[in-house]
Amino acid sequence: MHAFMRDDEIVGRPMTRRPLRAGVDAIVRMSSTRANYWAELGVDVGLGSLLIVNGWRHHANRPLAATLAIVTGLLAFSFVEYFFHRWMFHTRVPLFAQGHRMHHEHPLGYDSLPFFLPGVVLLMLTGLCALVMPTGFALLMMGSVTFGYIAYGLSHFTIHHVRFKHPLLRRWAGAHHVHHYHPESNFGVTTPLWDVLLGTRYVRKPRGD
């Protein structure tokens, strides 16, 4: 009886794992496609617009509060962008590090999250925020977080796919290209704010040092 159970478990394990593994592999393959990349953009724009419109309805007569919520959301996302890039993507955590390593090896690829995942996470965070702050403020703040995430994605894509001619744009894009050669610096993509504040802004060393 014990031998039969062990044999059944040994035979059964691949059978139970194959569908799950196949599903994960399918999602990974989908996540690296152009269609997934632009589908995620469409979903995020729709979600962000919905949050901003409904949040603004709650603050129609309070423009200062609405502006504060939007600025708070953008500032919060700028730190989230820095946090994940520095302490999650450049770690040994496979869930984050593997995909980001692929980007460093193939920066022109379309590797991204499954198109539905960011929207689900943003909706969950919006619900949590609405529990601890006024609903309108939470909607506007998370709407701006969503558009901050959209700006990050488009900025990152553009930096790797467009050659800028304007000096300011070239400098902005160059800061991220430097990160690919010096991965311990320049973690901010949309803004250098947190790199400056936390001391990870790349500074070229004088020759001879």
N, C-alpha and C. Protein backbone atom coordinates (compact mmCIF):
# COMPACT_ATOMS: atom_id res chain seq x y z
N MET A 1 0.83 -1.20 0.00
CA MET A 1 0.00 0.00 0.00
C MET A 1 0.88 1.26 0.00
N HIS A 2 1.91 1.29 0.84
CA HIS A 2 2.79 2.45 0.89
C HIS A 2 3.55 2.60 -0.41
N ALA A 3 3.99 1.45 -0.96
CA ALA A 3 4.71 1.51 -2.23
C ALA A 3 3.82 2.04 -3.34
N PHE A 4 2.54 1.61 -3.33
CA PHE A 4 1.60 2.07 -4.35
C PHE A 4 1.38 3.57 -4.24
N MET A 5 1.27 4.07 -3.01
CA MET A 5 1.06 5.50 -2.81
C MET A 5 2.25 6.31 -3.28
N ARG A 6 3.44 5.79 -3.01
CA ARG A 6 4.62 6.52 -3.46
C ARG A 6 4.71 6.53 -4.98
N ASP A 7 4.41 5.39 -5.61
CA ASP A 7 4.43 5.35 -7.06
C ASP A 7 3.39 6.28 -7.65
N ASP A 8 2.21 6.32 -7.02
CA ASP A 8 1.14 7.19 -7.51
C ASP A 8 1.53 8.66 -7.40
N GLU A 9 2.20 9.00 -6.28
CA GLU A 9 2.62 10.38 -6.11
C GLU A 9 3.68 10.75 -7.14
N ILE A 10 4.62 9.80 -7.38
CA ILE A 10 5.68 10.08 -8.34
C ILE A 10 5.12 10.26 -9.73
N VAL A 11 4.16 9.39 -10.09
CA VAL A 11 3.55 9.49 -11.41
C VAL A 11 2.64 10.71 -11.49
N GLY A 12 1.98 11.02 -10.37
CA GLY A 12 0.99 12.10 -10.40
C GLY A 12 1.58 13.49 -10.41
N ARG A 13 2.76 13.68 -9.88
CA ARG A 13 3.31 15.02 -9.78
C ARG A 13 3.48 15.72 -11.12
N PRO A 14 4.11 15.06 -12.11
CA PRO A 14 4.22 15.74 -13.41
C PRO A 14 2.88 16.07 -14.03
N MET A 15 1.89 15.17 -13.80
CA MET A 15 0.57 15.38 -14.40
C MET A 15 -0.12 16.60 -13.80
N THR A 16 0.06 16.82 -12.48
CA THR A 16 -0.59 17.97 -11.85
C THR A 16 0.16 19.26 -12.12
N ARG A 17 1.48 19.15 -12.34
CA ARG A 17 2.27 20.35 -12.55
C ARG A 17 2.27 20.82 -13.99
N ARG A 18 2.07 19.89 -14.93
CA ARG A 18 2.16 20.28 -16.33
C ARG A 18 1.18 21.36 -16.73
N PRO A 19 -0.13 21.24 -16.39
CA PRO A 19 -1.06 22.32 -16.78
C PRO A 19 -0.68 23.66 -16.19
N LEU A 20 -0.26 23.69 -14.91
CA LEU A 20 0.12 24.94 -14.27
C LEU A 20 1.36 25.52 -14.94
N ARG A 21 2.35 24.64 -15.18
CA ARG A 21 3.58 25.09 -15.81
C ARG A 21 3.32 25.59 -17.22
N ALA A 22 2.44 24.88 -17.93
CA ALA A 22 2.11 25.30 -19.29
C ALA A 22 1.42 26.65 -19.29
N GLY A 23 0.56 26.87 -18.30
CA GLY A 23 -0.12 28.16 -18.20
C GLY A 23 0.83 29.29 -17.91
N VAL A 24 1.78 29.04 -16.99
CA VAL A 24 2.78 30.06 -16.66
C VAL A 24 3.64 30.37 -17.88
N ASP A 25 4.08 29.33 -18.58
CA ASP A 25 4.91 29.53 -19.77
C ASP A 25 4.17 30.33 -20.84
N ALA A 26 2.87 30.06 -20.97
CA ALA A 26 2.07 30.78 -21.96
C ALA A 26 1.98 32.26 -21.61
N ILE A 27 1.81 32.56 -20.33
CA ILE A 27 1.73 33.96 -19.89
C ILE A 27 3.07 34.65 -20.11
N VAL A 28 4.17 33.94 -19.82
CA VAL A 28 5.50 34.52 -20.02
C VAL A 28 5.72 34.84 -21.49
N ARG A 29 5.34 33.90 -22.36
CA ARG A 29 5.50 34.14 -23.80
C ARG A 29 4.64 35.31 -24.26
N MET A 30 3.41 35.37 -23.77
CA MET A 30 2.52 36.47 -24.13
C MET A 30 3.08 37.80 -23.67
N SER A 31 3.70 37.82 -22.49
CA SER A 31 4.18 39.07 -21.91
C SER A 31 5.31 39.69 -22.72
N SER A 32 5.96 38.92 -23.57
CA SER A 32 7.08 39.44 -24.35
C SER A 32 6.66 39.83 -25.77
N THR A 33 5.36 39.89 -26.02
CA THR A 33 4.88 40.22 -27.36
C THR A 33 4.49 41.69 -27.46
N ARG A 34 4.53 42.19 -28.67
CA ARG A 34 4.13 43.58 -28.93
C ARG A 34 2.66 43.79 -28.61
N ALA A 35 1.83 42.80 -28.93
CA ALA A 35 0.39 42.92 -28.68
C ALA A 35 0.11 43.09 -27.20
N ASN A 36 0.80 42.32 -26.34
CA ASN A 36 0.61 42.45 -24.90
C ASN A 36 1.02 43.83 -24.42
N TYR A 37 2.12 44.35 -24.95
CA TYR A 37 2.63 45.66 -24.53
C TYR A 37 1.60 46.75 -24.78
N TRP A 38 1.04 46.77 -25.99
CA TRP A 38 0.09 47.83 -26.33
C TRP A 38 -1.29 47.57 -25.73
N ALA A 39 -1.62 46.30 -25.50
CA ALA A 39 -2.88 46.00 -24.80
C ALA A 39 -2.83 46.52 -23.38
N GLU A 40 -1.68 46.35 -22.72
CA GLU A 40 -1.54 46.88 -21.37
C GLU A 40 -1.68 48.39 -21.36
N LEU A 41 -1.10 49.05 -22.34
CA LEU A 41 -1.22 50.51 -22.42
C LEU A 41 -2.68 50.92 -22.52
N GLY A 42 -3.44 50.23 -23.39
CA GLY A 42 -4.86 50.55 -23.55
C GLY A 42 -5.64 50.35 -22.27
N VAL A 43 -5.39 49.24 -21.58
CA VAL A 43 -6.09 48.96 -20.32
C VAL A 43 -5.75 50.02 -19.28
N ASP A 44 -4.48 50.37 -19.18
CA ASP A 44 -4.05 51.34 -18.17
C ASP A 44 -4.60 52.74 -18.44
N VAL A 45 -4.61 53.14 -19.71
CA VAL A 45 -5.17 54.46 -20.04
C VAL A 45 -6.66 54.51 -19.69
N GLY A 46 -7.38 53.44 -20.02
CA GLY A 46 -8.80 53.40 -19.69
C GLY A 46 -9.04 53.46 -18.20
N LEU A 47 -8.25 52.69 -17.43
CA LEU A 47 -8.41 52.68 -15.98
C LEU A 47 -8.05 54.03 -15.39
N GLY A 48 -6.93 54.60 -15.81
CA GLY A 48 -6.51 55.89 -15.28
C GLY A 48 -7.53 56.98 -15.56
N SER A 49 -8.08 56.97 -16.76
CA SER A 49 -9.09 57.97 -17.12
C SER A 49 -10.33 57.82 -16.27
N LEU A 50 -10.75 56.58 -16.05
CA LEU A 50 -11.93 56.32 -15.23
C LEU A 50 -11.72 56.82 -13.80
N LEU A 51 -10.56 56.57 -13.25
CA LEU A 51 -10.28 57.01 -11.88
C LEU A 51 -10.22 58.53 -11.78
N ILE A 52 -9.57 59.18 -12.75
CA ILE A 52 -9.44 60.64 -12.72
C ILE A 52 -10.81 61.30 -12.86
N VAL A 53 -11.62 60.84 -13.80
CA VAL A 53 -12.94 61.45 -14.04
C VAL A 53 -13.82 61.32 -12.81
N ASN A 54 -13.88 60.11 -12.24
CA ASN A 54 -14.75 59.91 -11.08
C ASN A 54 -14.19 60.61 -9.84
N GLY A 55 -12.88 60.67 -9.72
CA GLY A 55 -12.30 61.40 -8.60
C GLY A 55 -12.55 62.89 -8.70
N TRP A 56 -12.48 63.44 -9.92
CA TRP A 56 -12.70 64.86 -10.11
C TRP A 56 -14.14 65.25 -9.79
N ARG A 57 -15.08 64.36 -10.02
CA ARG A 57 -16.48 64.64 -9.70
C ARG A 57 -16.66 64.88 -8.21
N HIS A 58 -15.85 64.21 -7.40
CA HIS A 58 -15.93 64.42 -5.95
C HIS A 58 -15.27 65.72 -5.52
N HIS A 59 -14.42 66.30 -6.40
CA HIS A 59 -13.68 67.50 -6.04
C HIS A 59 -13.96 68.66 -6.98
N ALA A 60 -15.13 68.65 -7.61
CA ALA A 60 -15.47 69.69 -8.58
C ALA A 60 -15.40 71.08 -7.96
N ASN A 61 -15.75 71.19 -6.70
CA ASN A 61 -15.75 72.48 -6.03
C ASN A 61 -14.53 72.69 -5.12
N ARG A 62 -13.58 71.78 -5.21
CA ARG A 62 -12.37 71.87 -4.38
C ARG A 62 -11.13 71.63 -5.24
N PRO A 63 -10.81 72.55 -6.11
CA PRO A 63 -9.69 72.35 -7.04
C PRO A 63 -8.35 72.20 -6.33
N LEU A 64 -8.15 72.86 -5.19
CA LEU A 64 -6.88 72.74 -4.48
C LEU A 64 -6.68 71.32 -3.94
N ALA A 65 -7.76 70.75 -3.39
CA ALA A 65 -7.68 69.37 -2.88
C ALA A 65 -7.43 68.40 -4.03
N ALA A 66 -8.09 68.67 -5.17
CA ALA A 66 -7.90 67.80 -6.34
C ALA A 66 -6.45 67.88 -6.83
N THR A 67 -5.91 69.09 -6.88
CA THR A 67 -4.52 69.26 -7.32
C THR A 67 -3.56 68.57 -6.37
N LEU A 68 -3.82 68.68 -5.06
CA LEU A 68 -2.98 68.02 -4.07
C LEU A 68 -3.00 66.50 -4.26
N ALA A 69 -4.17 65.94 -4.54
CA ALA A 69 -4.28 64.50 -4.75
C ALA A 69 -3.48 64.06 -5.97
N ILE A 70 -3.56 64.84 -7.05
CA ILE A 70 -2.84 64.50 -8.28
C ILE A 70 -1.33 64.58 -8.07
N VAL A 71 -0.88 65.66 -7.43
CA VAL A 71 0.56 65.84 -7.18
C VAL A 71 1.07 64.73 -6.24
N THR A 72 0.27 64.39 -5.23
CA THR A 72 0.65 63.33 -4.30
C THR A 72 0.81 62.00 -5.04
N GLY A 73 -0.12 61.71 -5.94
CA GLY A 73 -0.04 60.47 -6.69
C GLY A 73 1.18 60.40 -7.58
N LEU A 74 1.49 61.49 -8.28
CA LEU A 74 2.66 61.50 -9.17
C LEU A 74 3.95 61.38 -8.37
N LEU A 75 4.02 62.07 -7.24
CA LEU A 75 5.21 61.99 -6.40
C LEU A 75 5.37 60.58 -5.83
N ALA A 76 4.24 60.01 -5.39
CA ALA A 76 4.28 58.65 -4.84
C ALA A 76 4.75 57.66 -5.89
N PHE A 77 4.23 57.80 -7.12
CA PHE A 77 4.67 56.85 -8.14
C PHE A 77 6.14 57.01 -8.48
N SER A 78 6.64 58.24 -8.49
CA SER A 78 8.05 58.43 -8.81
C SER A 78 8.94 57.67 -7.84
N PHE A 79 8.52 57.60 -6.56
CA PHE A 79 9.30 56.83 -5.59
C PHE A 79 9.10 55.33 -5.80
N VAL A 80 7.86 54.92 -6.12
CA VAL A 80 7.60 53.50 -6.39
C VAL A 80 8.45 53.02 -7.56
N GLU A 81 8.53 53.85 -8.60
CA GLU A 81 9.37 53.53 -9.77
C GLU A 81 10.81 53.29 -9.34
N TYR A 82 11.34 54.22 -8.54
CA TYR A 82 12.72 54.11 -8.06
C TYR A 82 12.88 52.89 -7.16
N PHE A 83 11.95 52.69 -6.24
CA PHE A 83 12.03 51.59 -5.28
C PHE A 83 12.10 50.25 -5.98
N PHE A 84 11.17 50.01 -6.91
CA PHE A 84 11.15 48.72 -7.59
C PHE A 84 12.39 48.53 -8.45
N HIS A 85 12.81 49.58 -9.15
CA HIS A 85 13.96 49.44 -10.02
C HIS A 85 15.22 49.16 -9.22
N ARG A 86 15.40 49.83 -8.11
CA ARG A 86 16.63 49.66 -7.33
C ARG A 86 16.60 48.42 -6.46
N TRP A 87 15.55 48.23 -5.68
CA TRP A 87 15.56 47.20 -4.65
C TRP A 87 14.80 45.92 -5.02
N MET A 88 14.08 45.91 -6.12
CA MET A 88 13.38 44.70 -6.53
C MET A 88 13.93 44.13 -7.84
N PHE A 89 14.09 44.97 -8.85
CA PHE A 89 14.56 44.49 -10.14
C PHE A 89 16.03 44.10 -10.12
N HIS A 90 16.83 44.79 -9.31
CA HIS A 90 18.25 44.48 -9.22
C HIS A 90 18.54 43.71 -7.94
N THR A 91 17.84 42.61 -7.78
CA THR A 91 18.04 41.71 -6.64
C THR A 91 18.13 40.29 -7.16
N ARG A 92 18.15 39.34 -6.25
CA ARG A 92 18.18 37.93 -6.64
C ARG A 92 16.80 37.30 -6.56
N VAL A 93 15.77 38.11 -6.43
CA VAL A 93 14.41 37.58 -6.41
C VAL A 93 14.02 37.22 -7.85
N PRO A 94 13.87 35.94 -8.17
CA PRO A 94 13.66 35.53 -9.57
C PRO A 94 12.47 36.21 -10.23
N LEU A 95 11.37 36.41 -9.49
CA LEU A 95 10.16 36.97 -10.06
C LEU A 95 10.44 38.31 -10.73
N PHE A 96 11.31 39.12 -10.12
CA PHE A 96 11.62 40.44 -10.65
C PHE A 96 12.93 40.47 -11.43
N ALA A 97 13.94 39.82 -10.88
CA ALA A 97 15.28 39.94 -11.47
C ALA A 97 15.39 39.29 -12.83
N GLN A 98 14.72 38.16 -13.04
CA GLN A 98 14.87 37.45 -14.31
C GLN A 98 14.36 38.28 -15.48
N GLY A 99 13.17 38.84 -15.34
CA GLY A 99 12.62 39.65 -16.43
C GLY A 99 13.44 40.90 -16.67
N HIS A 100 13.94 41.52 -15.60
CA HIS A 100 14.73 42.74 -15.78
C HIS A 100 16.09 42.42 -16.38
N ARG A 101 16.63 41.24 -16.06
CA ARG A 101 17.90 40.82 -16.67
C ARG A 101 17.73 40.65 -18.16
N MET A 102 16.58 40.12 -18.57
CA MET A 102 16.30 39.98 -20.00
C MET A 102 16.27 41.34 -20.68
N HIS A 103 15.71 42.34 -19.99
CA HIS A 103 15.68 43.68 -20.59
C HIS A 103 17.09 44.23 -20.77
N HIS A 104 17.95 44.02 -19.78
CA HIS A 104 19.32 44.52 -19.90
C HIS A 104 20.06 43.81 -21.04
N GLU A 105 19.73 42.55 -21.27
CA GLU A 105 20.37 41.81 -22.35
C GLU A 105 19.77 42.14 -23.72
N HIS A 106 18.47 42.44 -23.74
CA HIS A 106 17.77 42.76 -25.00
C HIS A 106 16.90 44.00 -24.79
N PRO A 107 17.51 45.18 -24.72
CA PRO A 107 16.77 46.41 -24.37
C PRO A 107 15.72 46.83 -25.39
N LEU A 108 15.77 46.29 -26.60
CA LEU A 108 14.78 46.66 -27.61
C LEU A 108 13.58 45.71 -27.63
N GLY A 109 13.54 44.77 -26.71
CA GLY A 109 12.43 43.83 -26.67
C GLY A 109 11.17 44.44 -26.09
N TYR A 110 10.12 43.63 -26.04
CA TYR A 110 8.82 44.09 -25.53
C TYR A 110 8.47 43.41 -24.21
N ASP A 111 9.47 43.02 -23.45
CA ASP A 111 9.20 42.34 -22.19
C ASP A 111 8.46 43.27 -21.23
N SER A 112 7.35 42.81 -20.72
CA SER A 112 6.54 43.60 -19.80
C SER A 112 5.69 42.65 -18.96
N LEU A 113 4.88 43.22 -18.09
CA LEU A 113 3.96 42.41 -17.30
C LEU A 113 2.78 41.97 -18.15
N PRO A 114 2.10 40.88 -17.77
CA PRO A 114 0.86 40.53 -18.47
C PRO A 114 -0.10 41.70 -18.48
N PHE A 115 -0.77 41.94 -19.60
CA PHE A 115 -1.53 43.18 -19.79
C PHE A 115 -2.58 43.44 -18.71
N PHE A 116 -3.07 42.39 -18.07
CA PHE A 116 -4.14 42.55 -17.09
C PHE A 116 -3.61 42.78 -15.68
N LEU A 117 -2.35 42.44 -15.41
CA LEU A 117 -1.85 42.45 -14.04
C LEU A 117 -1.73 43.85 -13.43
N PRO A 118 -1.13 44.85 -14.11
CA PRO A 118 -1.04 46.17 -13.49
C PRO A 118 -2.40 46.76 -13.14
N GLY A 119 -3.39 46.58 -14.03
CA GLY A 119 -4.72 47.10 -13.76
C GLY A 119 -5.34 46.48 -12.52
N VAL A 120 -5.16 45.17 -12.35
CA VAL A 120 -5.69 44.48 -11.18
C VAL A 120 -5.04 45.01 -9.91
N VAL A 121 -3.72 45.16 -9.94
CA VAL A 121 -2.99 45.66 -8.76
C VAL A 121 -3.41 47.10 -8.44
N LEU A 122 -3.55 47.93 -9.46
CA LEU A 122 -3.94 49.32 -9.24
C LEU A 122 -5.35 49.42 -8.67
N LEU A 123 -6.26 48.58 -9.14
CA LEU A 123 -7.62 48.58 -8.60
C LEU A 123 -7.62 48.15 -7.13
N MET A 124 -6.82 47.14 -6.81
CA MET A 124 -6.75 46.69 -5.42
C MET A 124 -6.18 47.79 -4.52
N LEU A 125 -5.14 48.48 -5.00
CA LEU A 125 -4.56 49.57 -4.22
C LEU A 125 -5.55 50.72 -4.06
N THR A 126 -6.32 50.99 -5.10
CA THR A 126 -7.34 52.04 -5.02
C THR A 126 -8.37 51.71 -3.94
N GLY A 127 -8.79 50.46 -3.90
CA GLY A 127 -9.74 50.04 -2.88
C GLY A 127 -9.19 50.19 -1.48
N LEU A 128 -7.92 49.84 -1.29
CA LEU A 128 -7.30 49.98 0.02
C LEU A 128 -7.17 51.46 0.42
N CYS A 129 -6.79 52.30 -0.55
CA CYS A 129 -6.67 53.74 -0.25
C CYS A 129 -8.02 54.35 0.11
N ALA A 130 -9.08 53.88 -0.56
CA ALA A 130 -10.41 54.41 -0.29
C ALA A 130 -10.90 54.06 1.10
N LEU A 131 -10.28 53.06 1.72
CA LEU A 131 -10.67 52.67 3.08
C LEU A 131 -10.09 53.61 4.13
N VAL A 132 -9.00 54.30 3.78
CA VAL A 132 -8.30 55.11 4.80
C VAL A 132 -8.28 56.60 4.47
N MET A 133 -8.87 56.99 3.34
CA MET A 133 -8.90 58.40 2.97
C MET A 133 -10.18 58.68 2.19
N PRO A 134 -10.56 59.95 2.02
CA PRO A 134 -11.78 60.26 1.26
C PRO A 134 -11.76 59.61 -0.13
N THR A 135 -12.91 59.14 -0.55
CA THR A 135 -13.00 58.39 -1.81
C THR A 135 -12.49 59.20 -2.99
N GLY A 136 -12.94 60.44 -3.10
CA GLY A 136 -12.52 61.27 -4.23
C GLY A 136 -11.02 61.48 -4.26
N PHE A 137 -10.43 61.72 -3.10
CA PHE A 137 -8.98 61.91 -3.01
C PHE A 137 -8.26 60.63 -3.43
N ALA A 138 -8.77 59.49 -2.96
CA ALA A 138 -8.14 58.20 -3.31
C ALA A 138 -8.22 57.94 -4.81
N LEU A 139 -9.38 58.23 -5.42
CA LEU A 139 -9.53 58.01 -6.85
C LEU A 139 -8.60 58.89 -7.67
N LEU A 140 -8.53 60.17 -7.30
CA LEU A 140 -7.65 61.08 -8.03
C LEU A 140 -6.17 60.71 -7.82
N MET A 141 -5.81 60.39 -6.62
CA MET A 141 -4.43 60.04 -6.34
C MET A 141 -4.02 58.79 -7.11
N MET A 142 -4.85 57.74 -7.08
CA MET A 142 -4.51 56.51 -7.78
C MET A 142 -4.64 56.66 -9.29
N GLY A 143 -5.49 57.58 -9.73
CA GLY A 143 -5.54 57.88 -11.16
C GLY A 143 -4.24 58.48 -11.64
N SER A 144 -3.68 59.38 -10.84
CA SER A 144 -2.40 59.98 -11.21
C SER A 144 -1.26 58.97 -11.07
N VAL A 145 -1.35 58.06 -10.10
CA VAL A 145 -0.38 56.96 -10.01
C VAL A 145 -0.41 56.13 -11.29
N THR A 146 -1.63 55.86 -11.76
CA THR A 146 -1.78 55.08 -13.00
C THR A 146 -1.16 55.80 -14.18
N PHE A 147 -1.40 57.10 -14.30
CA PHE A 147 -0.80 57.83 -15.41
C PHE A 147 0.71 58.01 -15.22
N GLY A 148 1.17 58.02 -13.97
CA GLY A 148 2.60 58.00 -13.74
C GLY A 148 3.22 56.72 -14.26
N TYR A 149 2.52 55.61 -14.02
CA TYR A 149 2.99 54.31 -14.52
C TYR A 149 2.98 54.28 -16.05
N ILE A 150 1.95 54.87 -16.65
CA ILE A 150 1.88 54.95 -18.11
C ILE A 150 3.04 55.78 -18.65
N ALA A 151 3.29 56.93 -18.00
CA ALA A 151 4.39 57.79 -18.43
C ALA A 151 5.73 57.06 -18.33
N TYR A 152 5.88 56.28 -17.26
CA TYR A 152 7.10 55.49 -17.10
C TYR A 152 7.27 54.49 -18.25
N GLY A 153 6.19 53.76 -18.55
CA GLY A 153 6.27 52.76 -19.62
C GLY A 153 6.58 53.38 -20.97
N LEU A 154 5.89 54.46 -21.31
CA LEU A 154 6.12 55.12 -22.59
C LEU A 154 7.51 55.75 -22.65
N SER A 155 7.95 56.34 -21.54
CA SER A 155 9.28 56.94 -21.50
C SER A 155 10.35 55.89 -21.72
N HIS A 156 10.21 54.77 -21.04
CA HIS A 156 11.20 53.70 -21.15
C HIS A 156 11.24 53.15 -22.57
N PHE A 157 10.06 52.95 -23.15
CA PHE A 157 9.98 52.46 -24.52
C PHE A 157 10.62 53.45 -25.49
N THR A 158 10.29 54.72 -25.33
CA THR A 158 10.79 55.75 -26.24
C THR A 158 12.30 55.90 -26.14
N ILE A 159 12.82 55.85 -24.94
CA ILE A 159 14.26 56.00 -24.73
C ILE A 159 15.03 54.95 -25.52
N HIS A 160 14.49 53.73 -25.57
CA HIS A 160 15.21 52.64 -26.24
C HIS A 160 14.90 52.54 -27.74
N HIS A 161 13.87 53.21 -28.20
CA HIS A 161 13.48 53.06 -29.61
C HIS A 161 13.60 54.33 -30.44
N VAL A 162 13.93 55.44 -29.80
CA VAL A 162 14.00 56.71 -30.54
C VAL A 162 15.36 57.36 -30.29
N ARG A 163 15.93 57.90 -31.36
CA ARG A 163 17.17 58.68 -31.23
C ARG A 163 16.82 60.16 -31.23
N PHE A 164 16.99 60.78 -30.10
CA PHE A 164 16.62 62.18 -29.95
C PHE A 164 17.70 63.09 -30.52
N LYS A 165 17.24 64.24 -31.05
CA LYS A 165 18.17 65.24 -31.56
C LYS A 165 18.28 66.45 -30.64
N HIS A 166 17.20 66.72 -29.90
CA HIS A 166 17.23 67.86 -28.99
C HIS A 166 18.17 67.56 -27.83
N PRO A 167 19.06 68.50 -27.48
CA PRO A 167 20.05 68.25 -26.42
C PRO A 167 19.45 67.84 -25.08
N LEU A 168 18.34 68.47 -24.68
CA LEU A 168 17.74 68.13 -23.39
C LEU A 168 17.17 66.71 -23.40
N LEU A 169 16.54 66.34 -24.51
CA LEU A 169 15.99 64.99 -24.61
C LEU A 169 17.11 63.95 -24.69
N ARG A 170 18.19 64.28 -25.37
CA ARG A 170 19.33 63.37 -25.45
C ARG A 170 19.94 63.16 -24.06
N ARG A 171 20.00 64.23 -23.27
CA ARG A 171 20.55 64.11 -21.92
C ARG A 171 19.63 63.26 -21.05
N TRP A 172 18.32 63.49 -21.20
CA TRP A 172 17.34 62.71 -20.42
C TRP A 172 17.44 61.22 -20.77
N ALA A 173 17.48 60.91 -22.05
CA ALA A 173 17.59 59.51 -22.47
C ALA A 173 18.94 58.93 -22.09
N GLY A 174 19.98 59.75 -22.20
CA GLY A 174 21.33 59.27 -21.89
C GLY A 174 21.48 58.83 -20.45
N ALA A 175 20.73 59.47 -19.54
CA ALA A 175 20.82 59.08 -18.13
C ALA A 175 20.40 57.63 -17.95
N HIS A 176 19.39 57.18 -18.69
CA HIS A 176 18.98 55.79 -18.56
C HIS A 176 19.94 54.86 -19.30
N HIS A 177 20.46 55.29 -20.42
CA HIS A 177 21.44 54.46 -21.12
C HIS A 177 22.67 54.23 -20.24
N VAL A 178 23.04 55.24 -19.46
CA VAL A 178 24.15 55.09 -18.52
C VAL A 178 23.86 53.96 -17.54
N HIS A 179 22.60 53.84 -17.10
CA HIS A 179 22.22 52.79 -16.16
C HIS A 179 22.53 51.40 -16.73
N HIS A 180 22.40 51.22 -18.03
CA HIS A 180 22.67 49.91 -18.63
C HIS A 180 24.16 49.58 -18.59
N TYR A 181 25.01 50.58 -18.46
CA TYR A 181 26.45 50.34 -18.33
C TYR A 181 26.91 50.40 -16.88
N HIS A 182 26.16 51.12 -16.06
CA HIS A 182 26.45 51.23 -14.63
C HIS A 182 25.17 50.94 -13.85
N PRO A 183 24.79 49.66 -13.74
CA PRO A 183 23.48 49.29 -13.17
C PRO A 183 23.30 49.62 -11.70
N GLU A 184 24.34 50.13 -11.05
CA GLU A 184 24.21 50.52 -9.65
C GLU A 184 23.80 51.99 -9.52
N SER A 185 23.50 52.64 -10.63
CA SER A 185 23.16 54.06 -10.60
C SER A 185 22.00 54.36 -11.55
N ASN A 186 21.45 55.59 -11.44
CA ASN A 186 20.40 56.09 -12.35
C ASN A 186 19.21 55.14 -12.44
N PHE A 187 18.56 54.91 -11.31
CA PHE A 187 17.40 54.01 -11.29
C PHE A 187 16.13 54.71 -11.74
N GLY A 188 16.06 56.01 -11.62
CA GLY A 188 14.88 56.74 -12.08
C GLY A 188 14.86 56.86 -13.59
N VAL A 189 13.71 56.61 -14.18
CA VAL A 189 13.56 56.74 -15.63
C VAL A 189 12.85 58.04 -15.98
N THR A 190 11.72 58.29 -15.34
CA THR A 190 10.96 59.50 -15.65
C THR A 190 11.56 60.74 -14.99
N THR A 191 12.22 60.56 -13.86
CA THR A 191 12.80 61.71 -13.16
C THR A 191 14.04 61.28 -12.40
N PRO A 192 15.05 62.16 -12.29
CA PRO A 192 16.24 61.84 -11.50
C PRO A 192 16.09 62.22 -10.03
N LEU A 193 14.89 62.63 -9.61
CA LEU A 193 14.68 63.17 -8.27
C LEU A 193 15.24 62.28 -7.17
N TRP A 194 14.83 61.00 -7.16
CA TRP A 194 15.22 60.12 -6.06
C TRP A 194 16.67 59.67 -6.18
N ASP A 195 17.20 59.63 -7.39
CA ASP A 195 18.63 59.35 -7.53
C ASP A 195 19.45 60.46 -6.90
N VAL A 196 19.01 61.69 -7.09
CA VAL A 196 19.71 62.83 -6.50
C VAL A 196 19.58 62.80 -4.98
N LEU A 197 18.37 62.58 -4.49
CA LEU A 197 18.13 62.61 -3.04
C LEU A 197 18.81 61.45 -2.31
N LEU A 198 18.87 60.29 -2.96
CA LEU A 198 19.41 59.09 -2.29
C LEU A 198 20.82 58.74 -2.74
N GLY A 199 21.44 59.61 -3.51
CA GLY A 199 22.85 59.46 -3.82
C GLY A 199 23.20 58.40 -4.85
N THR A 200 22.28 58.07 -5.76
CA THR A 200 22.59 57.08 -6.78
C THR A 200 22.66 57.68 -8.18
N ARG A 201 22.67 59.00 -8.26
CA ARG A 201 22.84 59.67 -9.55
C ARG A 201 24.27 59.44 -10.04
N TYR A 202 24.41 59.00 -11.28
CA TYR A 202 25.75 58.72 -11.81
C TYR A 202 26.54 60.01 -11.99
N VAL A 203 27.75 60.00 -11.49
CA VAL A 203 28.66 61.12 -11.64
C VAL A 203 29.93 60.60 -12.29
N ARG A 204 30.27 61.15 -13.43
CA ARG A 204 31.46 60.69 -14.13
C ARG A 204 32.71 61.03 -13.33
N LYS A 205 33.56 60.03 -13.14
CA LYS A 205 34.79 60.23 -12.38
C LYS A 205 35.84 60.90 -13.27
N PRO A 206 36.61 61.80 -12.68
CA PRO A 206 37.68 62.45 -13.45
C PRO A 206 38.68 61.42 -13.97
N ARG A 207 39.21 61.67 -15.13
CA ARG A 207 40.20 60.76 -15.70
C ARG A 207 41.44 60.68 -14.80
N GLY A 208 41.94 59.47 -14.67
CA GLY A 208 43.12 59.27 -13.86
C GLY A 208 42.79 58.71 -12.48
N ASP A 209 41.46 58.75 -12.11
CA ASP A 209 41.09 58.20 -10.80
C ASP A 209 40.92 56.69 -10.91
